[in-house]
Amino acid sequence: MRISKIVVAVVAAASLGLLAGCGGGSGGTDSGSSSASAADTQKAQAAQQKVDAAKAVPGTDDLGPAIDVSSLKGKTIYSIPIDSKAEFYQAGEAAMKIVAEKAGVGFVTFPSDGTQTSYQQGIAQAINAKAGAVLLNGPLPSTLGPQIDDATKAGIPVIPLHLSDKDTPPVTGLKYEAFAPFNEAAHLMTLAAIGAGKGTPVHALVIQASETGPSKGMVDTIQKALTDEGPAGSDATVINVAVPQWSQQIQSQVQSALLKNPNINAVLPIYDSMALYAAPGIQQAAGGREVPIYTFNGTPSILKMVEDGTVAMDVAENPDWVAYVNIDVAFRAMLGAPPVAAESGPVRVIDKSNVAETGNPPESGKGFGDTYSGAFLKLWGLG
């Protein structure tokens, strides 16, 4: 979300109970694999193999060149989230604070409220405080040009976080950026739907938020994967719901799309918090058939929906690992060290087979092993 504008909703226990009956479990499409051709069956098997490989805990073999962060002790990083009250950002900000403090670096989260004015105020405060770096954890650099110029003149690097896909170049004019695996996640979501269909066409309903940075690339990736790697006849219907309207519009738009096109057999929300509202839409429009949800982020409340069968699969990030990546980029910027190309956190496919590894109930940061923290500390000369 990230960074893209991902607003994570908080769902009451009663709501989760309602959603638990939704037809989104781990099963596949309901078209019947007996009609699939041999070629299409092979495509489904190849897709499933890639998904299964992505269920493994990511490794820490290539984190970039070592740096000595001892000279940064006593400096302070300012972070400006897109909305300091949103669950996803709260988790990420808390994780970054813990990581920075391991190197003796202070970390301040500016209490932004989602408005442009608050982002401008945050940068101004960071400049006045002589911050070592400013992190844009969601706000778009393109909308903050004068403020970024002011920070640059003050010798303070401004670093966008989780805004751009790792296969794209950095934001123009900024040397340092922490990237994200948006398109990789979109690809895996689509492959999961293809694999579950066992060779029958995938008719996907894709939910995007076009005003967010990663949206276009993720939708393009989904459509390309359906065309290039999906069974013949696979296609996508795309609906667009702006972030502030998720709670008001996603359910009704999903319900309308499923009623209009009963061939839809998979729902792919590009951000997993959308699933909170997509699930009841499926329940209302397709309660008698299975329409699985495949999505991206790894928000704990959505992993709980994977656990109870409401969501089939979540391509999860680890906010704690992402925090190490973000702080690593900040440390390199503060030191003037060369940036690590396409630096990004990893993803892990989470479904019924491994969701238990994320905790009971699922917790932010669990399910990605326990070696990455020590690997980063060693990289920085702290371990």
Protein backbone atom coordinates (compact mmCIF):
# COMPACT_ATOMS: atom_id res chain seq x y z
CA MET A 1 0.00 0.00 0.00
CA ARG A 2 2.97 1.83 0.09
CA ILE A 3 4.28 4.31 -1.17
CA SER A 4 0.90 3.38 -2.59
CA LYS A 5 -2.14 4.68 -0.79
CA ILE A 6 -3.27 1.68 1.14
CA VAL A 7 -5.74 2.38 3.89
CA VAL A 8 -6.21 -0.61 6.16
CA ALA A 9 -9.59 -0.97 7.76
CA VAL A 10 -10.16 -2.28 11.26
CA VAL A 11 -12.86 -4.92 11.29
CA ALA A 12 -14.95 -5.88 14.27
CA ALA A 13 -15.05 -9.50 15.32
CA ALA A 14 -18.67 -9.69 14.38
CA SER A 15 -17.85 -8.61 10.85
CA LEU A 16 -15.21 -11.29 10.52
CA GLY A 17 -17.75 -13.82 11.67
CA LEU A 18 -20.08 -12.69 8.91
CA LEU A 19 -17.35 -12.90 6.29
CA ALA A 20 -16.26 -16.36 7.36
CA GLY A 21 -19.17 -17.89 5.48
CA CYS A 22 -18.13 -16.26 2.21
CA GLY A 23 -17.38 -18.43 -0.81
CA GLY A 24 -13.73 -17.57 -1.09
CA GLY A 25 -11.90 -20.55 0.35
CA SER A 26 -8.81 -22.31 -0.87
CA GLY A 27 -10.54 -24.21 -3.64
CA GLY A 28 -10.24 -23.29 -7.27
CA THR A 29 -12.55 -22.27 -10.03
CA ASP A 30 -15.75 -24.22 -10.48
CA SER A 31 -15.76 -24.69 -14.22
CA GLY A 32 -14.63 -28.31 -14.08
CA SER A 33 -11.13 -29.33 -15.00
CA SER A 34 -12.34 -32.27 -17.08
CA SER A 35 -12.88 -29.93 -20.05
CA ALA A 36 -9.34 -28.53 -19.92
CA SER A 37 -6.98 -29.29 -22.78
CA ALA A 38 -3.63 -30.91 -22.16
CA ALA A 39 -1.83 -27.65 -22.97
CA ASP A 40 -4.00 -25.66 -20.57
CA THR A 41 -3.56 -28.26 -17.86
CA GLN A 42 0.20 -27.95 -18.27
CA LYS A 43 -0.08 -24.17 -17.95
CA ALA A 44 -1.98 -24.59 -14.69
CA GLN A 45 0.57 -27.04 -13.37
CA ALA A 46 3.45 -24.72 -14.28
CA ALA A 47 1.69 -21.82 -12.55
CA GLN A 48 1.10 -23.87 -9.42
CA GLN A 49 4.76 -24.89 -9.29
CA LYS A 50 5.80 -21.22 -9.22
CA VAL A 51 3.27 -20.47 -6.50
CA ASP A 52 4.43 -23.42 -4.42
CA ALA A 53 8.05 -22.28 -4.74
CA ALA A 54 7.03 -18.85 -3.41
CA LYS A 55 5.65 -20.42 -0.24
CA ALA A 56 9.20 -20.93 1.05
CA VAL A 57 10.73 -18.62 3.66
CA PRO A 58 12.83 -16.02 1.76
CA GLY A 59 16.61 -16.11 2.08
CA THR A 60 19.05 -13.36 3.10
CA ASP A 61 21.87 -14.03 0.66
CA ASP A 62 21.98 -10.67 -1.14
CA LEU A 63 21.27 -7.64 1.05
CA GLY A 64 23.87 -5.38 -0.52
CA PRO A 65 27.40 -4.21 0.40
CA ALA A 66 28.29 -3.84 4.07
CA ILE A 67 28.28 -0.35 5.62
CA ASP A 68 29.52 1.06 8.93
CA VAL A 69 26.69 2.94 10.64
CA SER A 70 28.58 3.85 13.83
CA SER A 71 28.94 7.50 12.74
CA LEU A 72 25.14 7.87 12.56
CA LYS A 73 24.61 7.40 16.29
CA GLY A 74 22.69 10.34 17.72
CA LYS A 75 21.14 11.41 14.43
CA THR A 76 17.36 11.31 13.85
CA ILE A 77 15.20 10.06 11.01
CA TYR A 78 11.81 11.66 10.40
CA SER A 79 9.09 9.58 8.75
CA ILE A 80 5.87 10.93 7.26
CA PRO A 81 3.29 8.17 6.70
CA ILE A 82 0.34 8.71 4.42
CA ASP A 83 -1.96 8.28 7.42
CA SER A 84 -0.41 7.78 10.84
CA LYS A 85 -3.60 6.16 12.19
CA ALA A 86 -3.87 3.39 9.56
CA GLU A 87 -3.00 -0.13 10.78
CA PHE A 88 -0.54 -0.93 7.99
CA TYR A 89 1.42 2.28 8.57
CA GLN A 90 1.32 2.05 12.33
CA ALA A 91 2.92 -1.39 12.13
CA GLY A 92 5.55 -0.21 9.68
CA GLU A 93 6.41 2.93 11.61
CA ALA A 94 6.77 1.02 14.88
CA ALA A 95 9.01 -1.53 13.20
CA MET A 96 11.26 1.14 11.66
CA LYS A 97 11.64 2.89 15.02
CA ILE A 98 12.85 -0.34 16.64
CA VAL A 99 15.32 -0.98 13.82
CA ALA A 100 16.74 2.55 13.78
CA GLU A 101 17.25 2.56 17.54
CA LYS A 102 19.39 -0.57 17.27
CA ALA A 103 21.97 1.69 15.64
CA GLY A 104 21.47 4.49 18.16
CA VAL A 105 19.51 6.54 15.61
CA GLY A 106 16.38 8.35 16.73
CA PHE A 107 13.14 7.89 14.82
CA VAL A 108 10.21 10.30 14.76
CA THR A 109 6.86 9.56 13.10
CA PHE A 110 5.09 12.76 12.13
CA PRO A 111 1.35 12.53 12.98
CA SER A 112 0.06 12.98 9.43
CA ASP A 113 -3.66 12.85 8.76
CA GLY A 114 -3.77 12.06 5.05
CA THR A 115 -3.78 15.69 3.93
CA GLN A 116 -1.21 17.45 1.80
CA THR A 117 -0.88 20.14 4.45
CA SER A 118 0.21 17.61 7.06
CA TYR A 119 2.89 16.21 4.75
CA GLN A 120 4.23 19.71 4.13
CA GLN A 121 4.26 20.40 7.86
CA GLY A 122 6.10 17.15 8.49
CA ILE A 123 8.93 18.01 6.12
CA ALA A 124 9.18 21.51 7.57
CA GLN A 125 9.43 20.08 11.07
CA ALA A 126 12.13 17.64 9.97
CA ILE A 127 14.16 20.48 8.43
CA ASN A 128 13.84 22.60 11.58
CA ALA A 129 14.96 19.61 13.66
CA LYS A 130 17.99 19.08 11.36
CA ALA A 131 16.95 15.50 10.67
CA GLY A 132 19.40 13.06 9.16
CA ALA A 133 16.82 11.89 6.60
CA VAL A 134 13.13 12.25 5.74
CA LEU A 135 11.12 9.17 4.78
CA LEU A 136 8.00 9.58 2.65
CA ASN A 137 6.06 6.54 3.78
CA GLY A 138 3.18 6.99 1.34
CA PRO A 139 3.03 10.65 0.32
CA LEU A 140 3.90 11.13 -3.35
CA PRO A 141 7.14 13.04 -4.02
CA SER A 142 5.59 14.57 -7.15
CA THR A 143 3.19 16.53 -4.93
CA LEU A 144 5.87 17.83 -2.57
CA GLY A 145 8.43 19.33 -4.94
CA PRO A 146 9.08 22.64 -3.10
CA GLN A 147 9.32 20.94 0.28
CA ILE A 148 11.73 18.30 -1.08
CA ASP A 149 13.83 21.08 -2.60
CA ASP A 150 13.97 22.78 0.81
CA ALA A 151 15.11 19.56 2.47
CA THR A 152 17.72 18.93 -0.21
CA LYS A 153 19.12 22.45 0.22
CA ALA A 154 19.38 21.73 3.94
CA GLY A 155 21.42 18.62 3.18
CA ILE A 156 18.65 16.22 4.21
CA PRO A 157 17.97 13.30 1.84
CA VAL A 158 14.29 12.59 1.13
CA ILE A 159 13.53 8.91 0.57
CA PRO A 160 10.27 7.54 -0.86
CA LEU A 161 9.25 4.19 0.64
CA HIS A 162 7.21 1.44 -0.95
CA LEU A 163 6.01 3.63 -3.81
CA SER A 164 7.54 2.09 -6.89
CA ASP A 165 7.95 -1.44 -8.15
CA LYS A 166 11.47 -2.82 -7.82
CA ASP A 167 11.76 -3.14 -11.61
CA THR A 168 11.23 0.60 -12.18
CA PRO A 169 13.80 3.43 -11.95
CA PRO A 170 13.98 5.68 -8.87
CA VAL A 171 11.80 8.76 -8.61
CA THR A 172 13.27 11.47 -10.84
CA GLY A 173 15.60 13.74 -8.93
CA LEU A 174 15.95 11.47 -5.90
CA LYS A 175 18.98 9.22 -5.52
CA TYR A 176 17.64 6.90 -2.82
CA GLU A 177 14.40 4.94 -2.74
CA ALA A 178 13.08 1.81 -1.04
CA PHE A 179 11.17 -0.23 -3.58
CA ALA A 180 8.48 -2.90 -3.30
CA PRO A 181 7.59 -6.15 -5.09
CA PHE A 182 4.21 -4.99 -6.40
CA ASN A 183 4.35 -6.60 -9.84
CA GLU A 184 5.87 -9.81 -8.50
CA ALA A 185 2.94 -10.04 -6.10
CA ALA A 186 0.41 -9.37 -8.85
CA HIS A 187 2.02 -12.10 -10.94
CA LEU A 188 1.84 -14.62 -8.09
CA MET A 189 -1.79 -13.73 -7.35
CA THR A 190 -2.66 -14.47 -10.96
CA LEU A 191 -0.64 -17.68 -11.09
CA ALA A 192 -2.46 -18.89 -7.98
CA ALA A 193 -5.81 -18.38 -9.70
CA ILE A 194 -4.50 -20.16 -12.81
CA GLY A 195 -3.13 -23.07 -10.81
CA ALA A 196 -6.32 -23.49 -8.81
CA GLY A 197 -8.34 -23.62 -12.03
CA LYS A 198 -6.47 -26.76 -13.12
CA GLY A 199 -6.59 -25.76 -16.79
CA THR A 200 -9.99 -24.12 -17.10
CA PRO A 201 -10.16 -20.45 -18.12
CA VAL A 202 -9.73 -17.89 -15.39
CA HIS A 203 -12.28 -15.09 -15.53
CA ALA A 204 -10.85 -12.71 -12.97
CA LEU A 205 -12.45 -9.71 -11.35
CA VAL A 206 -9.58 -7.32 -10.60
CA ILE A 207 -10.10 -4.52 -8.09
CA GLN A 208 -7.73 -1.60 -8.45
CA ALA A 209 -7.30 1.86 -6.94
CA SER A 210 -6.03 3.78 -9.93
CA GLU A 211 -4.84 6.82 -7.96
CA THR A 212 -2.21 4.72 -6.18
CA GLY A 213 1.25 4.44 -7.68
CA PRO A 214 1.50 0.66 -8.15
CA SER A 215 -2.03 0.15 -9.48
CA LYS A 216 -1.44 0.37 -13.23
CA GLY A 217 1.62 -1.85 -13.17
CA MET A 218 -0.14 -4.48 -11.08
CA VAL A 219 -3.21 -4.55 -13.32
CA ASP A 220 -1.03 -4.74 -16.45
CA THR A 221 0.90 -7.63 -14.88
CA ILE A 222 -2.31 -9.52 -14.06
CA GLN A 223 -3.70 -9.09 -17.56
CA LYS A 224 -0.41 -10.13 -19.18
CA ALA A 225 -0.13 -13.23 -16.98
CA LEU A 226 -3.68 -14.30 -17.86
CA THR A 227 -2.92 -13.89 -21.56
CA ASP A 228 0.57 -15.40 -21.60
CA GLU A 229 0.37 -18.04 -18.89
CA GLY A 230 -3.33 -18.71 -18.41
CA PRO A 231 -5.57 -21.22 -20.16
CA ALA A 232 -7.13 -20.17 -23.46
CA GLY A 233 -10.07 -17.86 -22.91
CA SER A 234 -8.80 -16.40 -19.64
CA ASP A 235 -9.62 -12.72 -19.16
CA ALA A 236 -10.06 -9.96 -16.61
CA THR A 237 -12.80 -7.52 -15.70
CA VAL A 238 -11.33 -4.50 -13.94
CA ILE A 239 -13.19 -2.26 -11.52
CA ASN A 240 -11.74 0.84 -9.90
CA VAL A 241 -12.48 2.07 -6.40
CA ALA A 242 -10.60 5.03 -4.91
CA VAL A 243 -9.09 4.43 -1.49
CA PRO A 244 -11.52 6.64 0.49
CA GLN A 245 -14.48 4.79 -1.08
CA TRP A 246 -13.40 1.22 -0.35
CA SER A 247 -15.79 0.72 2.54
CA GLN A 248 -18.70 2.29 0.67
CA GLN A 249 -18.26 0.96 -2.86
CA ILE A 250 -16.24 -2.26 -3.13
CA GLN A 251 -18.97 -4.58 -1.85
CA SER A 252 -21.64 -3.21 -4.18
CA GLN A 253 -19.33 -3.08 -7.19
CA VAL A 254 -18.17 -6.67 -6.64
CA GLN A 255 -21.74 -7.82 -6.20
CA SER A 256 -22.82 -6.01 -9.38
CA ALA A 257 -19.91 -7.41 -11.41
CA LEU A 258 -20.61 -11.00 -10.31
CA LEU A 259 -24.30 -10.70 -11.09
CA LYS A 260 -23.55 -9.16 -14.48
CA ASN A 261 -20.97 -11.82 -15.35
CA PRO A 262 -21.61 -15.18 -13.65
CA ASN A 263 -18.48 -16.59 -15.36
CA ILE A 264 -16.23 -14.68 -12.96
CA ASN A 265 -14.46 -17.34 -10.94
CA ALA A 266 -11.69 -15.46 -9.11
CA VAL A 267 -11.43 -12.07 -7.43
CA LEU A 268 -8.04 -10.31 -7.32
CA PRO A 269 -7.97 -7.20 -5.11
CA ILE A 270 -4.56 -5.62 -5.66
CA TYR A 271 -4.40 -4.66 -1.95
CA ASP A 272 -5.60 -7.09 0.66
CA SER A 273 -7.63 -4.65 2.73
CA MET A 274 -9.99 -4.52 -0.24
CA ALA A 275 -10.86 -8.13 0.56
CA LEU A 276 -12.68 -6.99 3.69
CA TYR A 277 -15.36 -5.51 1.44
CA ALA A 278 -15.05 -7.83 -1.57
CA ALA A 279 -15.84 -10.90 0.54
CA PRO A 280 -19.41 -9.90 1.49
CA GLY A 281 -20.03 -8.86 -2.12
CA ILE A 282 -19.14 -12.38 -3.21
CA GLN A 283 -21.35 -13.81 -0.50
CA GLN A 284 -24.32 -11.78 -1.68
CA ALA A 285 -23.91 -12.40 -5.40
CA ALA A 286 -22.32 -15.86 -5.59
CA GLY A 287 -23.10 -17.57 -2.31
CA GLY A 288 -23.86 -20.83 -4.06
CA ARG A 289 -20.55 -21.16 -5.87
CA GLU A 290 -16.89 -20.79 -5.06
CA VAL A 291 -15.16 -17.56 -6.11
CA PRO A 292 -11.75 -17.46 -4.38
CA ILE A 293 -9.93 -14.27 -3.44
CA TYR A 294 -6.22 -13.88 -4.25
CA THR A 295 -4.54 -10.71 -2.99
CA PHE A 296 -1.39 -8.95 -1.74
CA ASN A 297 0.05 -7.37 1.42
CA GLY A 298 -0.03 -9.74 4.38
CA THR A 299 -2.11 -7.59 6.73
CA PRO A 300 -2.78 -9.69 9.87
CA SER A 301 -6.56 -9.26 9.70
CA ILE A 302 -6.52 -10.57 6.13
CA LEU A 303 -4.24 -13.48 7.04
CA LYS A 304 -6.93 -14.35 9.58
CA MET A 305 -9.32 -14.52 6.62
CA VAL A 306 -6.89 -16.92 4.93
CA GLU A 307 -6.93 -18.98 8.10
CA ASP A 308 -10.73 -19.16 8.19
CA GLY A 309 -11.05 -19.80 4.45
CA THR A 310 -12.55 -16.48 3.39
CA VAL A 311 -9.43 -15.57 1.37
CA ALA A 312 -7.64 -18.25 -0.65
CA MET A 313 -4.18 -16.69 -0.75
CA ASP A 314 -2.28 -13.57 0.28
CA VAL A 315 1.09 -12.69 -1.23
CA ALA A 316 2.49 -11.39 2.04
CA GLU A 317 5.17 -8.91 2.88
CA ASN A 318 6.82 -8.78 6.27
CA PRO A 319 6.55 -5.24 7.70
CA ASP A 320 9.50 -5.96 9.97
CA TRP A 321 11.72 -7.04 7.07
CA VAL A 322 10.49 -4.06 5.04
CA ALA A 323 11.47 -1.86 7.99
CA TYR A 324 15.05 -3.17 7.81
CA VAL A 325 15.12 -2.45 4.07
CA ASN A 326 13.75 1.07 4.58
CA ILE A 327 16.23 1.86 7.33
CA ASP A 328 19.08 0.36 5.30
CA VAL A 329 18.24 2.76 2.46
CA ALA A 330 18.10 5.64 4.96
CA PHE A 331 21.45 4.70 6.50
CA ARG A 332 23.11 4.56 3.06
CA ALA A 333 21.62 7.97 2.18
CA MET A 334 22.82 9.51 5.46
CA LEU A 335 26.30 8.11 4.87
CA GLY A 336 26.38 9.10 1.21
CA ALA A 337 27.03 5.45 0.28
CA PRO A 338 25.92 4.14 -3.12
CA PRO A 339 22.32 2.91 -3.10
CA VAL A 340 21.54 -0.77 -3.52
CA ALA A 341 19.84 -1.19 -6.88
CA ALA A 342 16.13 -2.09 -6.65
CA GLU A 343 16.35 -2.60 -2.88
CA SER A 344 13.12 -4.21 -1.73
CA GLY A 345 11.69 -6.55 0.85
CA PRO A 346 10.66 -10.07 -0.23
CA VAL A 347 7.24 -11.69 -0.47
CA ARG A 348 5.95 -15.05 0.64
CA VAL A 349 2.80 -16.78 -0.57
CA ILE A 350 0.55 -17.51 2.41
CA ASP A 351 -2.37 -19.90 2.09
CA LYS A 352 -4.02 -22.62 4.15
CA SER A 353 -0.88 -24.75 3.98
CA ASN A 354 1.39 -22.32 5.84
CA VAL A 355 -0.75 -19.59 7.41
CA ALA A 356 -0.24 -21.17 10.83
CA GLU A 357 3.39 -20.00 10.64
CA THR A 358 2.17 -16.40 10.83
CA GLY A 359 0.82 -16.90 14.37
CA ASN A 360 -2.48 -17.76 16.00
CA PRO A 361 -3.98 -15.29 15.43
CA PRO A 362 -1.67 -14.03 12.66
CA GLU A 363 0.77 -11.32 13.73
CA SER A 364 2.67 -8.71 11.79
CA GLY A 365 6.19 -9.89 10.98
CA LYS A 366 5.69 -13.59 11.62
CA GLY A 367 6.21 -16.30 9.01
CA PHE A 368 9.45 -15.06 7.47
CA GLY A 369 12.00 -16.89 9.58
CA ASP A 370 14.31 -15.39 12.17
CA THR A 371 17.59 -14.78 10.33
CA TYR A 372 17.01 -11.50 8.50
CA SER A 373 17.39 -9.29 11.57
CA GLY A 374 20.83 -10.65 12.40
CA ALA A 375 21.82 -10.48 8.74
CA PHE A 376 21.08 -6.76 8.55
CA LEU A 377 22.81 -6.01 11.86
CA LYS A 378 25.91 -7.81 10.61
CA LEU A 379 25.67 -5.85 7.36
CA TRP A 380 25.77 -2.62 9.37
CA GLY A 381 28.65 -3.69 11.60
CA LEU A 382 26.40 -4.16 14.62
CA GLY A 383 26.28 -7.93 14.80
